[in-house]
């Protein structure tokens, strides 16, 4: 994951992102919390599906933890507003 992807992950807490794992699996997820600290930097998330009307619906009431090392990239979803990146 690039530093820009990690920054987006931090800014998108409580928001929906597209996530791609290093295994190639892709899904939408609501980012619950990012723990970017040793010994196991990870993200807690809820997988969601996009309904035909554009709404996102959780696929489970149970979240999951994924190691940051297992995430290849994250991306914003068109039509979803995200907080602006902080100035450099």
C-alpha atoms as a PDB file:
ATOM      1  CA  UNK A   1       0.000   0.000   0.000  1.00  0.00           C
ATOM      2  CA  UNK A   2       1.345   3.433  -0.879  1.00  0.00           C
ATOM      3  CA  UNK A   3       1.712   6.241   1.689  1.00  0.00           C
ATOM      4  CA  UNK A   4      -1.155   8.021  -0.122  1.00  0.00           C
ATOM      5  CA  UNK A   5      -3.377   4.949   0.301  1.00  0.00           C
ATOM      6  CA  UNK A   6      -2.521   4.789   4.006  1.00  0.00           C
ATOM      7  CA  UNK A   7      -3.337   8.497   4.411  1.00  0.00           C
ATOM      8  CA  UNK A   8      -6.698   7.946   2.665  1.00  0.00           C
ATOM      9  CA  UNK A   9      -7.395   4.987   4.942  1.00  0.00           C
ATOM     10  CA  UNK A  10      -6.802   7.195   8.002  1.00  0.00           C
ATOM     11  CA  UNK A  11      -9.040  10.007   6.654  1.00  0.00           C
ATOM     12  CA  UNK A  12     -11.850   7.637   5.700  1.00  0.00           C
ATOM     13  CA  UNK A  13     -12.699   6.398   9.194  1.00  0.00           C
ATOM     14  CA  UNK A  14     -16.477   5.771   9.325  1.00  0.00           C
ATOM     15  CA  UNK A  15     -16.609   6.054   5.518  1.00  0.00           C
ATOM     16  CA  UNK A  16     -16.721   3.575   2.637  1.00  0.00           C
ATOM     17  CA  UNK A  17     -13.668   2.681   0.517  1.00  0.00           C
ATOM     18  CA  UNK A  18     -12.866   0.147  -2.169  1.00  0.00           C
ATOM     19  CA  UNK A  19     -10.266  -2.275  -0.790  1.00  0.00           C
ATOM     20  CA  UNK A  20      -7.985  -4.639  -2.687  1.00  0.00           C
ATOM     21  CA  UNK A  21      -6.034  -7.274  -0.777  1.00  0.00           C
ATOM     22  CA  UNK A  22      -2.648  -8.630  -1.824  1.00  0.00           C
ATOM     23  CA  UNK A  23      -4.493 -11.885  -2.653  1.00  0.00           C
ATOM     24  CA  UNK A  24      -6.415  -9.987  -5.358  1.00  0.00           C
ATOM     25  CA  UNK A  25      -9.742 -10.004  -3.495  1.00  0.00           C
ATOM     26  CA  UNK A  26     -11.674  -6.731  -3.905  1.00  0.00           C
ATOM     27  CA  UNK A  27     -14.601  -5.393  -1.875  1.00  0.00           C
ATOM     28  CA  UNK A  28     -16.225  -2.269  -0.451  1.00  0.00           C
ATOM     29  CA  UNK A  29     -15.781  -1.641   3.265  1.00  0.00           C
ATOM     30  CA  UNK A  30     -16.739   0.834   5.956  1.00  0.00           C
ATOM     31  CA  UNK A  31     -13.527   1.725   7.770  1.00  0.00           C
ATOM     32  CA  UNK A  32     -14.108   1.463  11.513  1.00  0.00           C
ATOM     33  CA  UNK A  33     -10.618   2.059  12.921  1.00  0.00           C
ATOM     34  CA  UNK A  34      -7.017   2.083  11.700  1.00  0.00           C
ATOM     35  CA  UNK A  35      -4.331   0.936  14.143  1.00  0.00           C
ATOM     36  CA  UNK A  36      -1.036   1.921  12.519  1.00  0.00           C
ATOM     37  CA  UNK A  37       1.197   0.773  15.387  1.00  0.00           C
ATOM     38  CA  UNK A  38       3.416  -2.243  16.087  1.00  0.00           C
ATOM     39  CA  UNK A  39       3.292  -5.116  16.617  1.00  0.00           C
ATOM     40  CA  UNK A  40       0.363  -5.687  14.224  1.00  0.00           C
ATOM     41  CA  UNK A  41      -0.702  -2.605  12.239  1.00  0.00           C
ATOM     42  CA  UNK A  42      -4.204  -3.330  11.011  1.00  0.00           C
ATOM     43  CA  UNK A  43      -7.584  -1.940  10.054  1.00  0.00           C
ATOM     44  CA  UNK A  44     -10.954  -2.881  11.486  1.00  0.00           C
ATOM     45  CA  UNK A  45     -13.711  -2.784   8.880  1.00  0.00           C
ATOM     46  CA  UNK A  46     -17.194  -3.886   7.933  1.00  0.00           C
ATOM     47  CA  UNK A  47     -17.697  -5.307   4.445  1.00  0.00           C
ATOM     48  CA  UNK A  48     -20.568  -3.680   2.579  1.00  0.00           C
ATOM     49  CA  UNK A  49     -22.443  -4.121  -0.687  1.00  0.00           C
ATOM     50  CA  UNK A  50     -23.744  -1.312  -2.883  1.00  0.00           C
ATOM     51  CA  UNK A  51     -27.475  -1.483  -3.538  1.00  0.00           C
ATOM     52  CA  UNK A  52     -28.920  -0.480  -6.953  1.00  0.00           C
ATOM     53  CA  UNK A  53     -30.040   2.853  -5.429  1.00  0.00           C
ATOM     54  CA  UNK A  54     -26.422   3.613  -4.420  1.00  0.00           C
ATOM     55  CA  UNK A  55     -26.862   2.928  -0.696  1.00  0.00           C
ATOM     56  CA  UNK A  56     -24.303   0.750   1.074  1.00  0.00           C
ATOM     57  CA  UNK A  57     -25.518  -2.142   3.230  1.00  0.00           C
ATOM     58  CA  UNK A  58     -23.365  -4.118   5.669  1.00  0.00           C
ATOM     59  CA  UNK A  59     -23.014  -7.796   4.790  1.00  0.00           C
ATOM     60  CA  UNK A  60     -22.593  -8.705   8.473  1.00  0.00           C
ATOM     61  CA  UNK A  61     -22.934  -7.187  11.914  1.00  0.00           C
ATOM     62  CA  UNK A  62     -19.486  -8.526  12.773  1.00  0.00           C
ATOM     63  CA  UNK A  63     -16.455  -6.566  11.643  1.00  0.00           C
ATOM     64  CA  UNK A  64     -13.062  -7.975  10.807  1.00  0.00           C
ATOM     65  CA  UNK A  65      -9.436  -7.062  11.269  1.00  0.00           C
ATOM     66  CA  UNK A  66      -7.050  -7.070   8.307  1.00  0.00           C
ATOM     67  CA  UNK A  67      -3.317  -6.482   8.599  1.00  0.00           C
ATOM     68  CA  UNK A  68      -2.181  -3.381   6.718  1.00  0.00           C
ATOM     69  CA  UNK A  69       0.492  -5.560   5.072  1.00  0.00           C
ATOM     70  CA  UNK A  70      -2.310  -7.612   3.477  1.00  0.00           C
ATOM     71  CA  UNK A  71      -3.861  -4.566   1.765  1.00  0.00           C
ATOM     72  CA  UNK A  72      -2.532  -3.849  -1.719  1.00  0.00           C
ATOM     73  CA  UNK A  73      -4.482  -0.609  -2.202  1.00  0.00           C
ATOM     74  CA  UNK A  74      -7.541   1.378  -1.241  1.00  0.00           C
ATOM     75  CA  UNK A  75      -9.486   3.760  -3.435  1.00  0.00           C
ATOM     76  CA  UNK A  76     -12.253   6.304  -3.050  1.00  0.00           C
ATOM     77  CA  UNK A  77     -15.631   5.450  -4.530  1.00  0.00           C
ATOM     78  CA  UNK A  78     -17.176   7.907  -7.013  1.00  0.00           C
ATOM     79  CA  UNK A  79     -20.104   9.737  -5.457  1.00  0.00           C
ATOM     80  CA  UNK A  80     -18.813   9.388  -1.891  1.00  0.00           C
ATOM     81  CA  UNK A  81     -17.440  12.552  -0.252  1.00  0.00           C
ATOM     82  CA  UNK A  82     -14.164  12.248   1.668  1.00  0.00           C
ATOM     83  CA  UNK A  83     -12.380  14.696   3.975  1.00  0.00           C
ATOM     84  CA  UNK A  84      -9.750  16.712   2.106  1.00  0.00           C
ATOM     85  CA  UNK A  85      -6.117  15.700   2.334  1.00  0.00           C
ATOM     86  CA  UNK A  86      -4.165  17.861   4.772  1.00  0.00           C
ATOM     87  CA  UNK A  87      -1.827  20.424   3.157  1.00  0.00           C
ATOM     88  CA  UNK A  88       1.747  19.319   2.575  1.00  0.00           C
END
